[in-house]
Amino acid sequence: MVTSGDHPPRGATNHGATNHRATNGGSDDPCLEPFRPENGQHPPLILVVDDDEELRAIVDAELRQHNFETAGCSEGRRALEIIRSRQPDLVVLDLGLPDIGGLDILQQIRDVGSLPVIVLTGRSAEADRIVGLEMGADDYVVKPFSPRELAARVKTVLRRSAGSTDGEAATRLTFERLVIDLASRDVIVDDRFIDLTAKEFDLLAFLAESPRQVFSRTQLLRMVWGSDPEWQSPSTVAEHVHRLRRKIELDPASPQWIHTMRGAGYRFVP
């Protein structure tokens, strides 16, 4: 396991990460497609705060496969120090820390800025999720979880965060005849506004923000609905995809944008 103290300053050579990326650079698996910073920027730094060393190691390895830098620590006070000194691009934050409660750390982060935070916790009750999101968490992941799913959420939150600070143009996803405005939540096909429900829009935007990446119905249920197969049927996802295709596709039976990957799930093809 590599902890925060073992990482070089940002911009320094990180030989472990370079070798790891090199071995994964040619993967054909769309879920392993690395995060690619724009304009030659340095890879985003993700701070993972959790007192489970094994979990941190797993998350660290997965994020490095996706071209992220990582730092890790097990205590809240140390996390706040790293946030001040290294200014990470996103924090993955456990709620059950040994010194300071995760929600207290989240509050301190929100008191000074809009640093993206994904809460990672074993608390699965709906009330806990609502409290975390209302306090400013950008996403909420319940243990046990898929490391690849977490990496996908990290990429999505970073893209949304960039869109919220780069002006109006960055909040619009444009794909030939389709425009998705993340700020106004408008969807336009062939210069015609499409009437979508809130969840239909959330599903379309989520898929479009990770083009060509395949998500299973269970993953979409968790990431878009904040739910779980134990509470809600994955068929909900299939029904929403069916309705989306009827509204935005020229030929719903042969869709241009939302493709079904048999036995795997769905992906958005720009």
Protein backbone atom coordinates (compact mmCIF):
# COMPACT_ATOMS: atom_id res chain seq x y z
CA MET A 1 0.00 0.00 0.00
CA VAL A 2 1.23 3.48 -0.86
CA THR A 3 0.14 6.17 1.58
CA SER A 4 0.24 9.94 1.21
CA GLY A 5 3.68 10.25 2.70
CA ASP A 6 5.13 7.98 0.03
CA HIS A 7 3.99 10.07 -2.92
CA PRO A 8 6.27 12.63 -4.58
CA PRO A 9 5.08 16.24 -4.99
CA ARG A 10 2.77 16.86 -7.94
CA GLY A 11 4.71 17.13 -11.16
CA ALA A 12 7.48 14.80 -10.00
CA THR A 13 8.08 11.50 -11.75
CA ASN A 14 6.07 8.64 -10.31
CA HIS A 15 7.71 5.52 -11.70
CA GLY A 16 5.16 3.10 -10.23
CA ALA A 17 2.26 4.89 -11.84
CA THR A 18 4.06 5.19 -15.17
CA ASN A 19 4.76 1.47 -15.36
CA HIS A 20 1.18 0.61 -14.36
CA ARG A 21 -0.27 2.84 -17.03
CA ALA A 22 2.01 1.42 -19.66
CA THR A 23 0.77 -2.11 -19.04
CA ASN A 24 -2.88 -1.05 -19.31
CA GLY A 25 -2.66 1.47 -22.12
CA GLY A 26 -3.66 -0.97 -24.84
CA SER A 27 -6.70 -2.51 -23.19
CA ASP A 28 -9.78 -2.99 -25.37
CA ASP A 29 -12.07 -2.97 -22.32
CA PRO A 30 -14.00 0.34 -22.40
CA CYS A 31 -14.32 0.25 -18.61
CA LEU A 32 -10.51 0.49 -18.41
CA GLU A 33 -10.32 3.53 -20.70
CA PRO A 34 -8.08 5.99 -18.82
CA PHE A 35 -9.09 9.47 -17.80
CA ARG A 36 -7.36 11.82 -20.24
CA PRO A 37 -6.70 15.38 -18.99
CA GLU A 38 -7.21 18.13 -21.56
CA ASN A 39 -4.47 20.34 -23.01
CA GLY A 40 -1.61 18.31 -21.55
CA GLN A 41 -2.62 18.99 -17.96
CA HIS A 42 -1.19 16.90 -15.14
CA PRO A 43 -3.31 13.83 -14.23
CA PRO A 44 -5.89 14.61 -11.52
CA LEU A 45 -4.87 13.83 -7.94
CA ILE A 46 -7.38 11.74 -5.99
CA LEU A 47 -7.15 11.62 -2.19
CA VAL A 48 -8.53 8.40 -0.67
CA VAL A 49 -9.38 8.72 3.02
CA ASP A 50 -10.18 5.40 4.71
CA ASP A 51 -8.77 3.57 7.73
CA ASP A 52 -8.91 0.22 5.90
CA GLU A 53 -5.42 -0.17 4.43
CA GLU A 54 -6.39 -3.06 2.16
CA LEU A 55 -9.32 -1.11 0.73
CA ARG A 56 -7.06 1.89 0.08
CA ALA A 57 -4.62 -0.34 -1.77
CA ILE A 58 -7.39 -1.73 -3.99
CA VAL A 59 -8.79 1.73 -4.76
CA ASP A 60 -5.28 3.11 -5.34
CA ALA A 61 -4.46 0.37 -7.87
CA GLU A 62 -7.76 0.79 -9.72
CA LEU A 63 -7.49 4.58 -9.97
CA ARG A 64 -3.93 4.35 -11.28
CA GLN A 65 -5.17 2.09 -14.07
CA HIS A 66 -7.39 4.99 -15.12
CA ASN A 67 -4.49 7.46 -15.26
CA PHE A 68 -5.09 9.18 -11.92
CA GLU A 69 -2.53 10.18 -9.34
CA THR A 70 -3.43 9.02 -5.84
CA ALA A 71 -2.71 9.88 -2.23
CA GLY A 72 -4.10 8.07 0.79
CA CYS A 73 -4.46 8.42 4.53
CA SER A 74 -6.38 6.83 7.38
CA GLU A 75 -7.27 9.82 9.59
CA GLY A 76 -9.38 12.93 9.14
CA ARG A 77 -6.83 15.39 10.50
CA ARG A 78 -4.19 14.11 8.10
CA ALA A 79 -6.71 14.33 5.25
CA LEU A 80 -7.32 18.01 5.96
CA GLU A 81 -3.55 18.62 6.00
CA ILE A 82 -3.16 16.93 2.61
CA ILE A 83 -6.07 18.90 1.18
CA ARG A 84 -4.41 22.17 2.26
CA SER A 85 -0.89 21.22 1.15
CA ARG A 86 -1.44 19.18 -2.03
CA GLN A 87 -4.82 20.51 -3.21
CA PRO A 88 -6.25 17.28 -4.66
CA ASP A 89 -8.78 17.37 -7.47
CA LEU A 90 -11.21 15.01 -5.72
CA VAL A 91 -11.58 13.27 -2.34
CA VAL A 92 -12.94 9.77 -1.77
CA LEU A 93 -14.04 10.00 1.86
CA ASP A 94 -15.02 7.27 4.32
CA LEU A 95 -17.47 8.37 7.03
CA GLY A 96 -16.22 6.04 9.79
CA LEU A 97 -12.77 7.45 10.57
CA PRO A 98 -11.02 6.93 13.92
CA ASP A 99 -10.45 10.60 14.84
CA ILE A 100 -12.86 12.96 13.05
CA GLY A 101 -16.21 11.95 11.61
CA GLY A 102 -16.36 11.94 7.83
CA LEU A 103 -19.38 14.25 7.80
CA ASP A 104 -17.43 16.76 9.91
CA ILE A 105 -14.61 16.65 7.37
CA LEU A 106 -17.10 17.09 4.54
CA GLN A 107 -18.52 20.14 6.32
CA GLN A 108 -15.05 21.67 6.71
CA ILE A 109 -14.34 21.07 3.02
CA ARG A 110 -17.62 22.74 2.02
CA ASP A 111 -16.99 25.68 4.35
CA VAL A 112 -14.01 26.73 2.24
CA GLY A 113 -14.78 25.61 -1.30
CA SER A 114 -16.29 23.23 -3.82
CA LEU A 115 -13.68 20.45 -3.88
CA PRO A 116 -15.48 17.36 -5.29
CA VAL A 117 -16.13 14.67 -2.66
CA ILE A 118 -17.35 11.11 -3.14
CA VAL A 119 -18.50 9.57 0.14
CA LEU A 120 -17.46 5.92 0.51
CA THR A 121 -19.12 4.18 3.43
CA GLY A 122 -20.67 1.05 4.84
CA ARG A 123 -23.75 3.01 5.91
CA SER A 124 -26.40 1.94 3.42
CA ALA A 125 -29.51 3.46 5.03
CA GLU A 126 -31.33 5.96 2.84
CA ALA A 127 -31.22 8.58 5.63
CA ASP A 128 -27.40 8.40 5.73
CA ARG A 129 -27.18 8.89 1.97
CA ILE A 130 -29.53 11.84 2.07
CA VAL A 131 -27.57 13.52 4.87
CA GLY A 132 -24.29 13.08 2.99
CA LEU A 133 -25.69 14.45 -0.26
CA GLU A 134 -27.46 17.35 1.45
CA MET A 135 -24.20 18.30 3.16
CA GLY A 136 -22.56 18.65 -0.23
CA ALA A 137 -21.23 15.23 -1.26
CA ASP A 138 -21.06 14.93 -5.04
CA ASP A 139 -21.73 11.19 -4.97
CA TYR A 140 -22.27 8.37 -2.47
CA VAL A 141 -20.85 4.84 -2.78
CA VAL A 142 -21.88 2.08 -0.38
CA LYS A 143 -19.53 -0.75 0.65
CA PRO A 144 -19.09 -3.39 -0.63
CA PHE A 145 -18.51 -1.80 -4.00
CA SER A 146 -16.90 -2.40 -7.38
CA PRO A 147 -13.54 -0.60 -7.76
CA ARG A 148 -14.27 -0.08 -11.47
CA GLU A 149 -17.62 1.46 -10.58
CA LEU A 150 -15.88 3.84 -8.18
CA ALA A 151 -13.39 4.84 -10.90
CA ALA A 152 -16.30 5.52 -13.27
CA ARG A 153 -17.95 7.72 -10.66
CA VAL A 154 -14.69 9.60 -10.10
CA LYS A 155 -14.43 10.36 -13.82
CA THR A 156 -18.06 11.49 -13.99
CA VAL A 157 -17.80 13.76 -10.95
CA LEU A 158 -14.59 15.34 -12.29
CA ARG A 159 -16.21 16.04 -15.64
CA ARG A 160 -19.23 17.60 -13.95
CA SER A 161 -16.97 19.65 -11.70
CA ALA A 162 -15.03 20.95 -14.70
CA GLY A 163 -18.27 21.85 -16.43
CA SER A 164 -19.48 23.86 -13.44
CA THR A 165 -16.40 26.11 -13.49
CA ASP A 166 -15.58 26.47 -17.17
CA GLY A 167 -18.60 28.48 -18.25
CA GLU A 168 -21.76 27.73 -20.18
CA ALA A 169 -20.07 26.00 -23.12
CA ALA A 170 -18.57 23.31 -20.88
CA THR A 171 -22.00 22.34 -19.56
CA ARG A 172 -23.26 21.35 -23.00
CA LEU A 173 -22.62 17.91 -24.46
CA THR A 174 -22.99 18.02 -28.24
CA PHE A 175 -23.21 14.90 -30.41
CA GLU A 176 -24.09 15.66 -34.05
CA ARG A 177 -27.92 15.98 -33.87
CA LEU A 178 -28.12 15.73 -30.06
CA VAL A 179 -27.40 18.43 -27.48
CA ILE A 180 -27.54 17.81 -23.71
CA ASP A 181 -27.40 20.96 -21.57
CA LEU A 182 -26.33 19.90 -18.08
CA ALA A 183 -27.06 23.30 -16.56
CA SER A 184 -30.58 23.87 -17.88
CA ARG A 185 -31.32 20.12 -18.18
CA ASP A 186 -32.56 20.66 -21.73
CA VAL A 187 -32.21 17.98 -24.39
CA ILE A 188 -32.37 19.04 -28.04
CA VAL A 189 -32.57 16.67 -31.02
CA ASP A 190 -32.54 18.18 -34.52
CA ASP A 191 -33.20 21.66 -33.03
CA ARG A 192 -36.28 20.32 -31.23
CA PHE A 193 -36.58 20.32 -27.43
CA ILE A 194 -37.33 16.86 -26.02
CA ASP A 195 -39.51 16.50 -22.94
CA LEU A 196 -37.76 14.10 -20.53
CA THR A 197 -38.56 13.17 -16.97
CA ALA A 198 -35.95 14.01 -14.34
CA LYS A 199 -34.66 10.44 -14.16
CA GLU A 200 -34.64 10.03 -17.95
CA PHE A 201 -32.42 13.10 -18.17
CA ASP A 202 -30.15 11.86 -15.36
CA LEU A 203 -29.70 8.52 -17.12
CA LEU A 204 -28.97 10.07 -20.51
CA ALA A 205 -26.53 12.61 -19.07
CA PHE A 206 -24.71 9.95 -17.05
CA LEU A 207 -24.21 7.69 -20.07
CA ALA A 208 -23.25 10.59 -22.35
CA GLU A 209 -20.62 11.84 -19.89
CA SER A 210 -18.81 8.49 -20.17
CA PRO A 211 -19.08 7.71 -23.91
CA ARG A 212 -18.42 4.13 -25.01
CA GLN A 213 -18.14 2.93 -21.42
CA VAL A 214 -20.38 -0.04 -20.65
CA PHE A 215 -22.51 0.05 -17.49
CA SER A 216 -24.58 -2.85 -16.24
CA ARG A 217 -28.17 -2.32 -15.12
CA THR A 218 -27.07 -2.83 -11.52
CA GLN A 219 -24.34 -0.20 -11.86
CA LEU A 220 -26.76 2.29 -13.41
CA LEU A 221 -29.30 1.57 -10.70
CA ARG A 222 -26.68 2.45 -8.09
CA MET A 223 -25.10 5.41 -9.88
CA VAL A 224 -28.17 7.13 -11.34
CA TRP A 225 -30.92 6.07 -8.92
CA GLY A 226 -28.73 5.79 -5.80
CA SER A 227 -30.48 2.49 -5.24
CA ASP A 228 -29.68 -1.22 -5.13
CA PRO A 229 -31.20 -4.41 -6.60
CA GLU A 230 -32.31 -5.32 -3.09
CA TRP A 231 -34.54 -2.26 -3.00
CA GLN A 232 -35.42 -1.63 -6.66
CA SER A 233 -35.59 -3.89 -9.70
CA PRO A 234 -32.90 -3.45 -12.39
CA SER A 235 -35.75 -3.68 -14.89
CA THR A 236 -36.35 -0.02 -13.97
CA VAL A 237 -33.21 0.81 -15.94
CA ALA A 238 -34.35 -1.17 -18.99
CA GLU A 239 -37.72 0.59 -18.95
CA HIS A 240 -36.08 4.03 -18.80
CA VAL A 241 -33.72 3.13 -21.65
CA HIS A 242 -36.73 1.99 -23.70
CA ARG A 243 -38.53 5.29 -23.04
CA LEU A 244 -35.41 7.34 -23.79
CA ARG A 245 -34.94 5.64 -27.15
CA ARG A 246 -38.55 6.34 -28.10
CA LYS A 247 -37.99 10.04 -27.36
CA ILE A 248 -34.55 10.75 -28.80
CA GLU A 249 -33.77 8.09 -31.43
CA LEU A 250 -34.88 8.28 -35.05
CA ASP A 251 -35.31 4.50 -35.02
CA PRO A 252 -35.68 3.13 -31.45
CA ALA A 253 -35.27 -0.42 -32.76
CA SER A 254 -31.86 0.50 -34.21
CA PRO A 255 -30.61 3.22 -31.86
CA GLN A 256 -27.84 5.63 -32.81
CA TRP A 257 -26.77 6.66 -29.31
CA ILE A 258 -27.85 4.25 -26.56
CA HIS A 259 -26.60 0.77 -27.42
CA THR A 260 -27.36 -2.50 -25.66
CA MET A 261 -24.31 -4.70 -25.02
CA ARG A 262 -25.74 -8.19 -24.67
CA GLY A 263 -25.01 -9.71 -21.29
CA ALA A 264 -23.14 -6.58 -20.18
CA GLY A 265 -25.42 -3.53 -20.09
CA TYR A 266 -25.66 -0.24 -21.98
CA ARG A 267 -23.30 2.34 -23.41
CA PHE A 268 -23.59 5.71 -25.11
CA VAL A 269 -21.98 5.90 -28.56
CA PRO A 270 -21.35 9.49 -29.77
